[in-house]
Amino acid sequence: MSDVLQEFSFVDRGRTFQCRVAASRVTGPDPWWWFEVSTEQHQRHAPFRADPDDTFEVVQQRMVAYYDNLLERRAAPVVKKWSRPAPQAAAATSGDEGSDVIEMDAETEEVVAEIEGEIAEIPGDEEDASVA
């Protein structure tokens, strides 16, 4: 790419863009368009690969569009993709964190009472009960 566009700078809405073609340490020897903007310190961007047919106008339009989109994404509210479920109301209102108390509706309480009654009726070995 020695006879094609390699490096230039331009100003867009008060921002100075310094653009150049260089290889990426990550992608290997393929040439990429890199740019820095005067409104950011120590930030370098490589939004697209360099092409032998690139012109000043095309690269400038792509750089500005890429950077404007980047600024829009940075300014957008953060969207949480995952979060913990809200704590259950029973734990929040009991004031006793770590408690095993679970609030149940009437039907569930009825079923639990029935099961507990059945468990109490199970005959057990009297000696085993006294040891425990």
N, C-alpha and C. Protein backbone atom coordinates (compact mmCIF):
# COMPACT_ATOMS: atom_id res chain seq x y z
N MET A 1 0.82 -1.20 0.00
CA MET A 1 0.00 0.00 0.00
C MET A 1 0.86 1.25 0.00
N SER A 2 2.02 1.21 -0.61
CA SER A 2 2.92 2.35 -0.60
C SER A 2 2.45 3.48 -1.50
N ASP A 3 1.72 3.19 -2.59
CA ASP A 3 1.28 4.23 -3.51
C ASP A 3 -0.16 4.68 -3.26
N VAL A 4 -0.74 4.26 -2.17
CA VAL A 4 -2.10 4.65 -1.84
C VAL A 4 -2.11 5.47 -0.56
N LEU A 5 -3.26 5.97 -0.24
CA LEU A 5 -3.45 6.80 0.95
C LEU A 5 -2.97 6.06 2.20
N GLN A 6 -2.06 6.66 2.96
CA GLN A 6 -1.48 6.03 4.15
C GLN A 6 -1.75 6.79 5.44
N GLU A 7 -1.77 8.11 5.34
CA GLU A 7 -1.89 8.91 6.55
C GLU A 7 -2.43 10.30 6.20
N PHE A 8 -3.30 10.81 7.06
CA PHE A 8 -3.82 12.17 6.87
C PHE A 8 -4.52 12.60 8.15
N SER A 9 -4.85 13.86 8.23
CA SER A 9 -5.64 14.38 9.36
C SER A 9 -6.70 15.31 8.81
N PHE A 10 -7.75 15.49 9.57
CA PHE A 10 -8.83 16.40 9.18
C PHE A 10 -9.55 16.86 10.43
N VAL A 11 -10.32 17.93 10.29
CA VAL A 11 -11.10 18.48 11.40
C VAL A 11 -12.57 18.33 11.06
N ASP A 12 -13.33 17.80 12.02
CA ASP A 12 -14.77 17.65 11.87
C ASP A 12 -15.43 18.14 13.15
N ARG A 13 -16.24 19.18 13.05
CA ARG A 13 -16.95 19.77 14.19
C ARG A 13 -16.04 20.03 15.37
N GLY A 14 -14.88 20.59 15.10
CA GLY A 14 -13.95 20.96 16.15
C GLY A 14 -13.07 19.83 16.66
N ARG A 15 -13.24 18.65 16.12
CA ARG A 15 -12.44 17.50 16.54
C ARG A 15 -11.41 17.21 15.44
N THR A 16 -10.16 17.08 15.86
CA THR A 16 -9.11 16.76 14.89
C THR A 16 -8.88 15.25 14.89
N PHE A 17 -9.02 14.66 13.74
CA PHE A 17 -8.79 13.23 13.55
C PHE A 17 -7.43 13.03 12.92
N GLN A 18 -6.60 12.22 13.54
CA GLN A 18 -5.29 11.83 13.00
C GLN A 18 -5.45 10.38 12.52
N CYS A 19 -5.35 10.14 11.23
CA CYS A 19 -5.61 8.82 10.66
C CYS A 19 -4.36 8.26 9.99
N ARG A 20 -4.18 6.95 10.12
CA ARG A 20 -3.05 6.30 9.44
C ARG A 20 -3.32 4.81 9.28
N VAL A 21 -2.64 4.23 8.34
CA VAL A 21 -2.75 2.79 8.08
C VAL A 21 -1.61 2.10 8.82
N ALA A 22 -1.95 1.03 9.54
CA ALA A 22 -0.93 0.26 10.26
C ALA A 22 -1.48 -1.14 10.51
N ALA A 23 -0.56 -2.05 10.76
CA ALA A 23 -0.95 -3.43 11.08
C ALA A 23 -1.39 -3.49 12.54
N SER A 24 -2.18 -4.50 12.84
CA SER A 24 -2.64 -4.73 14.20
C SER A 24 -1.81 -5.83 14.83
N ARG A 25 -1.47 -5.67 16.10
CA ARG A 25 -0.76 -6.74 16.80
C ARG A 25 -1.64 -7.98 16.96
N VAL A 26 -2.94 -7.77 16.95
CA VAL A 26 -3.88 -8.87 17.17
C VAL A 26 -4.19 -9.62 15.88
N THR A 27 -4.46 -8.88 14.81
CA THR A 27 -4.91 -9.52 13.56
C THR A 27 -3.79 -9.83 12.59
N GLY A 28 -2.58 -9.46 12.92
CA GLY A 28 -1.45 -9.77 12.04
C GLY A 28 -1.11 -8.64 11.09
N PRO A 29 -0.53 -8.98 9.96
CA PRO A 29 0.01 -7.95 9.07
C PRO A 29 -1.03 -7.22 8.22
N ASP A 30 -2.30 -7.61 8.29
CA ASP A 30 -3.31 -6.91 7.48
C ASP A 30 -3.38 -5.44 7.89
N PRO A 31 -3.43 -4.54 6.92
CA PRO A 31 -3.48 -3.10 7.25
C PRO A 31 -4.88 -2.67 7.71
N TRP A 32 -4.91 -1.86 8.74
CA TRP A 32 -6.15 -1.30 9.29
C TRP A 32 -6.03 0.22 9.32
N TRP A 33 -7.17 0.88 9.24
CA TRP A 33 -7.19 2.32 9.46
C TRP A 33 -7.28 2.56 10.96
N TRP A 34 -6.29 3.25 11.48
CA TRP A 34 -6.26 3.63 12.89
C TRP A 34 -6.49 5.13 12.96
N PHE A 35 -7.16 5.58 14.03
CA PHE A 35 -7.28 7.02 14.22
C PHE A 35 -7.29 7.39 15.69
N GLU A 36 -6.89 8.62 15.94
CA GLU A 36 -6.96 9.24 17.25
C GLU A 36 -7.73 10.53 17.08
N VAL A 37 -8.43 10.94 18.14
CA VAL A 37 -9.24 12.15 18.08
C VAL A 37 -8.78 13.10 19.17
N SER A 38 -8.75 14.37 18.85
CA SER A 38 -8.25 15.37 19.78
C SER A 38 -9.09 15.47 21.05
N THR A 39 -10.32 14.99 21.03
CA THR A 39 -11.20 15.10 22.21
C THR A 39 -10.97 13.97 23.21
N GLU A 40 -10.10 13.01 22.88
CA GLU A 40 -9.80 11.90 23.78
C GLU A 40 -8.30 11.80 23.98
N GLN A 41 -7.91 11.41 25.16
CA GLN A 41 -6.49 11.21 25.43
C GLN A 41 -6.20 9.72 25.47
N HIS A 42 -5.13 9.33 24.85
CA HIS A 42 -4.63 7.96 24.91
C HIS A 42 -5.61 6.92 24.39
N GLN A 43 -6.45 7.29 23.44
CA GLN A 43 -7.38 6.35 22.83
C GLN A 43 -7.06 6.24 21.35
N ARG A 44 -6.94 5.02 20.88
CA ARG A 44 -6.67 4.78 19.47
C ARG A 44 -7.72 3.78 18.98
N HIS A 45 -8.29 4.04 17.84
CA HIS A 45 -9.35 3.19 17.31
C HIS A 45 -8.95 2.64 15.95
N ALA A 46 -9.34 1.41 15.68
CA ALA A 46 -9.10 0.77 14.38
C ALA A 46 -10.42 0.17 13.90
N PRO A 47 -11.28 0.99 13.32
CA PRO A 47 -12.62 0.52 13.02
C PRO A 47 -12.77 -0.35 11.77
N PHE A 48 -11.84 -0.27 10.82
CA PHE A 48 -12.00 -1.07 9.62
C PHE A 48 -10.67 -1.27 8.90
N ARG A 49 -10.65 -2.30 8.07
CA ARG A 49 -9.44 -2.63 7.31
C ARG A 49 -9.21 -1.60 6.21
N ALA A 50 -7.95 -1.38 5.92
CA ALA A 50 -7.58 -0.47 4.83
C ALA A 50 -7.74 -1.21 3.50
N ASP A 51 -8.14 -0.47 2.50
CA ASP A 51 -8.32 -1.03 1.16
C ASP A 51 -7.50 -0.19 0.18
N PRO A 52 -6.89 -0.80 -0.82
CA PRO A 52 -6.10 -0.02 -1.78
C PRO A 52 -6.92 1.05 -2.51
N ASP A 53 -8.23 0.87 -2.57
CA ASP A 53 -9.09 1.84 -3.27
C ASP A 53 -9.62 2.94 -2.35
N ASP A 54 -9.21 2.95 -1.08
CA ASP A 54 -9.69 3.98 -0.15
C ASP A 54 -9.32 5.36 -0.64
N THR A 55 -10.28 6.29 -0.48
CA THR A 55 -10.01 7.70 -0.80
C THR A 55 -10.15 8.51 0.48
N PHE A 56 -9.63 9.71 0.44
CA PHE A 56 -9.72 10.60 1.60
C PHE A 56 -11.18 10.76 2.04
N GLU A 57 -12.07 11.05 1.08
CA GLU A 57 -13.48 11.30 1.40
C GLU A 57 -14.16 10.08 2.02
N VAL A 58 -13.90 8.91 1.45
CA VAL A 58 -14.53 7.68 1.96
C VAL A 58 -14.05 7.38 3.37
N VAL A 59 -12.76 7.44 3.58
CA VAL A 59 -12.20 7.14 4.91
C VAL A 59 -12.68 8.18 5.92
N GLN A 60 -12.69 9.43 5.54
CA GLN A 60 -13.15 10.49 6.45
C GLN A 60 -14.60 10.23 6.86
N GLN A 61 -15.46 9.93 5.92
CA GLN A 61 -16.87 9.67 6.23
C GLN A 61 -17.01 8.47 7.17
N ARG A 62 -16.27 7.43 6.90
CA ARG A 62 -16.35 6.23 7.73
C ARG A 62 -15.83 6.49 9.14
N MET A 63 -14.74 7.26 9.26
CA MET A 63 -14.18 7.57 10.58
C MET A 63 -15.18 8.38 11.40
N VAL A 64 -15.75 9.40 10.80
CA VAL A 64 -16.69 10.28 11.52
C VAL A 64 -17.93 9.48 11.91
N ALA A 65 -18.46 8.67 11.00
CA ALA A 65 -19.64 7.86 11.31
C ALA A 65 -19.34 6.88 12.45
N TYR A 66 -18.20 6.23 12.38
CA TYR A 66 -17.82 5.29 13.44
C TYR A 66 -17.70 6.01 14.78
N TYR A 67 -17.02 7.13 14.81
CA TYR A 67 -16.79 7.83 16.07
C TYR A 67 -18.09 8.40 16.64
N ASP A 68 -18.93 8.97 15.79
CA ASP A 68 -20.22 9.49 16.27
C ASP A 68 -21.07 8.36 16.87
N ASN A 69 -21.06 7.20 16.23
CA ASN A 69 -21.79 6.04 16.75
C ASN A 69 -21.21 5.60 18.09
N LEU A 70 -19.89 5.60 18.20
CA LEU A 70 -19.23 5.24 19.46
C LEU A 70 -19.65 6.18 20.58
N LEU A 71 -19.70 7.48 20.29
CA LEU A 71 -20.12 8.45 21.31
C LEU A 71 -21.57 8.24 21.71
N GLU A 72 -22.42 7.90 20.75
CA GLU A 72 -23.83 7.62 21.07
C GLU A 72 -23.94 6.41 21.98
N ARG A 73 -23.18 5.35 21.68
CA ARG A 73 -23.22 4.15 22.52
C ARG A 73 -22.70 4.43 23.91
N ARG A 74 -21.67 5.25 24.02
CA ARG A 74 -21.14 5.58 25.35
C ARG A 74 -22.14 6.38 26.16
N ALA A 75 -22.91 7.24 25.50
CA ALA A 75 -23.87 8.11 26.20
C ALA A 75 -25.17 7.39 26.55
N ALA A 76 -25.43 6.27 25.91
CA ALA A 76 -26.68 5.53 26.15
C ALA A 76 -26.67 4.94 27.55
N PRO A 77 -27.85 4.82 28.16
CA PRO A 77 -27.92 4.20 29.48
C PRO A 77 -27.47 2.74 29.40
N VAL A 78 -26.88 2.28 30.47
CA VAL A 78 -26.40 0.92 30.54
C VAL A 78 -27.60 -0.02 30.64
N VAL A 79 -27.63 -1.02 29.80
CA VAL A 79 -28.69 -2.02 29.84
C VAL A 79 -28.13 -3.25 30.53
N LYS A 80 -28.76 -3.60 31.65
CA LYS A 80 -28.31 -4.78 32.38
C LYS A 80 -28.80 -6.02 31.65
N LYS A 81 -27.87 -6.91 31.36
CA LYS A 81 -28.23 -8.15 30.68
C LYS A 81 -28.50 -9.26 31.68
N TRP A 82 -28.02 -9.10 32.89
CA TRP A 82 -28.23 -10.09 33.93
C TRP A 82 -28.22 -9.37 35.25
N SER A 83 -29.09 -9.77 36.12
CA SER A 83 -29.07 -9.24 37.48
C SER A 83 -29.65 -10.29 38.41
N ARG A 84 -29.32 -10.15 39.65
CA ARG A 84 -29.84 -11.09 40.65
C ARG A 84 -31.33 -10.85 40.83
N PRO A 85 -32.08 -11.89 41.14
CA PRO A 85 -33.50 -11.68 41.42
C PRO A 85 -33.68 -10.89 42.71
N ALA A 86 -34.76 -10.17 42.77
CA ALA A 86 -35.06 -9.39 43.97
C ALA A 86 -35.26 -10.33 45.15
N PRO A 87 -34.84 -9.90 46.35
CA PRO A 87 -35.06 -10.77 47.52
C PRO A 87 -36.55 -10.96 47.75
N GLN A 88 -36.92 -12.11 48.30
CA GLN A 88 -38.32 -12.40 48.56
C GLN A 88 -38.86 -11.45 49.62
N ALA A 89 -40.12 -11.14 49.50
CA ALA A 89 -40.75 -10.20 50.44
C ALA A 89 -40.68 -10.70 51.87
N ALA A 90 -40.81 -12.00 52.07
CA ALA A 90 -40.79 -12.56 53.43
C ALA A 90 -39.45 -12.29 54.09
N ALA A 91 -38.38 -12.45 53.37
CA ALA A 91 -37.05 -12.22 53.94
C ALA A 91 -36.84 -10.74 54.21
N ALA A 92 -37.38 -9.90 53.35
CA ALA A 92 -37.19 -8.46 53.50
C ALA A 92 -37.99 -7.90 54.67
N THR A 93 -39.17 -8.47 54.93
CA THR A 93 -40.01 -7.91 55.99
C THR A 93 -39.76 -8.55 57.34
N SER A 94 -39.14 -9.71 57.38
CA SER A 94 -38.98 -10.41 58.65
C SER A 94 -37.90 -9.76 59.52
N GLY A 95 -36.94 -9.11 58.89
CA GLY A 95 -35.85 -8.52 59.66
C GLY A 95 -34.87 -9.55 60.14
N ASP A 96 -35.14 -10.83 59.90
CA ASP A 96 -34.26 -11.90 60.34
C ASP A 96 -33.66 -12.55 59.12
N GLU A 97 -32.56 -11.99 58.66
CA GLU A 97 -31.93 -12.54 57.46
C GLU A 97 -31.36 -13.91 57.79
N GLY A 98 -31.48 -14.80 56.84
CA GLY A 98 -31.00 -16.14 57.05
C GLY A 98 -32.04 -17.03 57.72
N SER A 99 -33.20 -16.48 57.98
CA SER A 99 -34.26 -17.25 58.62
C SER A 99 -34.82 -18.28 57.65
N ASP A 100 -35.25 -19.43 58.20
CA ASP A 100 -35.85 -20.46 57.37
C ASP A 100 -37.37 -20.32 57.31
N VAL A 101 -37.90 -19.25 57.82
CA VAL A 101 -39.34 -19.04 57.83
C VAL A 101 -39.80 -18.67 56.43
N ILE A 102 -40.82 -19.38 55.97
CA ILE A 102 -41.38 -19.11 54.64
C ILE A 102 -42.85 -18.81 54.82
N GLU A 103 -43.29 -17.72 54.25
CA GLU A 103 -44.72 -17.41 54.32
C GLU A 103 -45.45 -18.28 53.31
N MET A 104 -46.59 -18.86 53.76
CA MET A 104 -47.35 -19.75 52.88
C MET A 104 -48.79 -19.27 52.83
N ASP A 105 -49.42 -19.57 51.71
CA ASP A 105 -50.85 -19.27 51.63
C ASP A 105 -51.62 -20.34 52.40
N ALA A 106 -52.92 -20.13 52.57
CA ALA A 106 -53.74 -21.03 53.40
C ALA A 106 -53.74 -22.45 52.86
N GLU A 107 -53.82 -22.61 51.57
CA GLU A 107 -53.86 -23.96 50.99
C GLU A 107 -52.56 -24.70 51.26
N THR A 108 -51.44 -24.01 51.11
CA THR A 108 -50.14 -24.64 51.37
C THR A 108 -50.01 -25.00 52.84
N GLU A 109 -50.45 -24.10 53.73
CA GLU A 109 -50.40 -24.40 55.17
C GLU A 109 -51.20 -25.65 55.49
N GLU A 110 -52.35 -25.80 54.84
CA GLU A 110 -53.20 -26.96 55.05
C GLU A 110 -52.49 -28.25 54.65
N VAL A 111 -51.85 -28.23 53.49
CA VAL A 111 -51.13 -29.40 53.00
C VAL A 111 -49.97 -29.74 53.92
N VAL A 112 -49.22 -28.72 54.35
CA VAL A 112 -48.09 -28.96 55.25
C VAL A 112 -48.57 -29.55 56.57
N ALA A 113 -49.67 -29.03 57.13
CA ALA A 113 -50.21 -29.55 58.39
C ALA A 113 -50.63 -31.01 58.23
N GLU A 114 -51.23 -31.32 57.09
CA GLU A 114 -51.65 -32.71 56.83
C GLU A 114 -50.44 -33.63 56.78
N ILE A 115 -49.38 -33.20 56.10
CA ILE A 115 -48.17 -34.02 56.00
C ILE A 115 -47.53 -34.18 57.37
N GLU A 116 -47.46 -33.08 58.13
CA GLU A 116 -46.88 -33.17 59.48
C GLU A 116 -47.68 -34.12 60.35
N GLY A 117 -49.01 -34.11 60.20
CA GLY A 117 -49.87 -35.02 60.97
C GLY A 117 -49.60 -36.46 60.60
N GLU A 118 -49.42 -36.71 59.30
CA GLU A 118 -49.14 -38.07 58.85
C GLU A 118 -47.78 -38.54 59.38
N ILE A 119 -46.84 -37.65 59.40
CA ILE A 119 -45.51 -38.01 59.90
C ILE A 119 -45.59 -38.35 61.38
N ALA A 120 -46.39 -37.59 62.14
CA ALA A 120 -46.53 -37.83 63.58
C ALA A 120 -47.19 -39.18 63.86
N GLU A 121 -48.03 -39.64 62.94
CA GLU A 121 -48.73 -40.91 63.13
C GLU A 121 -47.88 -42.12 62.76
N ILE A 122 -46.75 -41.94 62.15
CA ILE A 122 -45.91 -43.06 61.75
C ILE A 122 -45.36 -43.71 63.01
N PRO A 123 -45.62 -45.02 63.17
CA PRO A 123 -45.12 -45.69 64.37
C PRO A 123 -43.60 -45.77 64.33
N GLY A 124 -42.99 -45.50 65.43
CA GLY A 124 -41.54 -45.56 65.51
C GLY A 124 -41.12 -46.46 66.65
N ASP A 125 -39.87 -46.79 66.69
CA ASP A 125 -39.33 -47.62 67.76
C ASP A 125 -39.12 -46.72 68.97
N GLU A 126 -39.75 -47.02 70.07
CA GLU A 126 -39.68 -46.19 71.28
C GLU A 126 -38.25 -46.00 71.77
N GLU A 127 -37.42 -47.04 71.68
CA GLU A 127 -36.05 -46.94 72.15
C GLU A 127 -35.24 -45.96 71.30
N ASP A 128 -35.46 -46.02 69.96
CA ASP A 128 -34.75 -45.11 69.05
C ASP A 128 -35.12 -43.67 69.34
N ALA A 129 -36.40 -43.43 69.68
CA ALA A 129 -36.87 -42.06 69.92
C ALA A 129 -36.21 -41.50 71.18
N SER A 130 -36.00 -42.35 72.19
CA SER A 130 -35.42 -41.86 73.44
C SER A 130 -33.94 -41.58 73.30
N VAL A 131 -33.27 -42.30 72.39
CA VAL A 131 -31.84 -42.10 72.18
C VAL A 131 -31.59 -40.79 71.46
N ALA A 132 -32.44 -40.49 70.52
CA ALA A 132 -32.27 -39.30 69.72
C ALA A 132 -32.55 -38.12 70.56
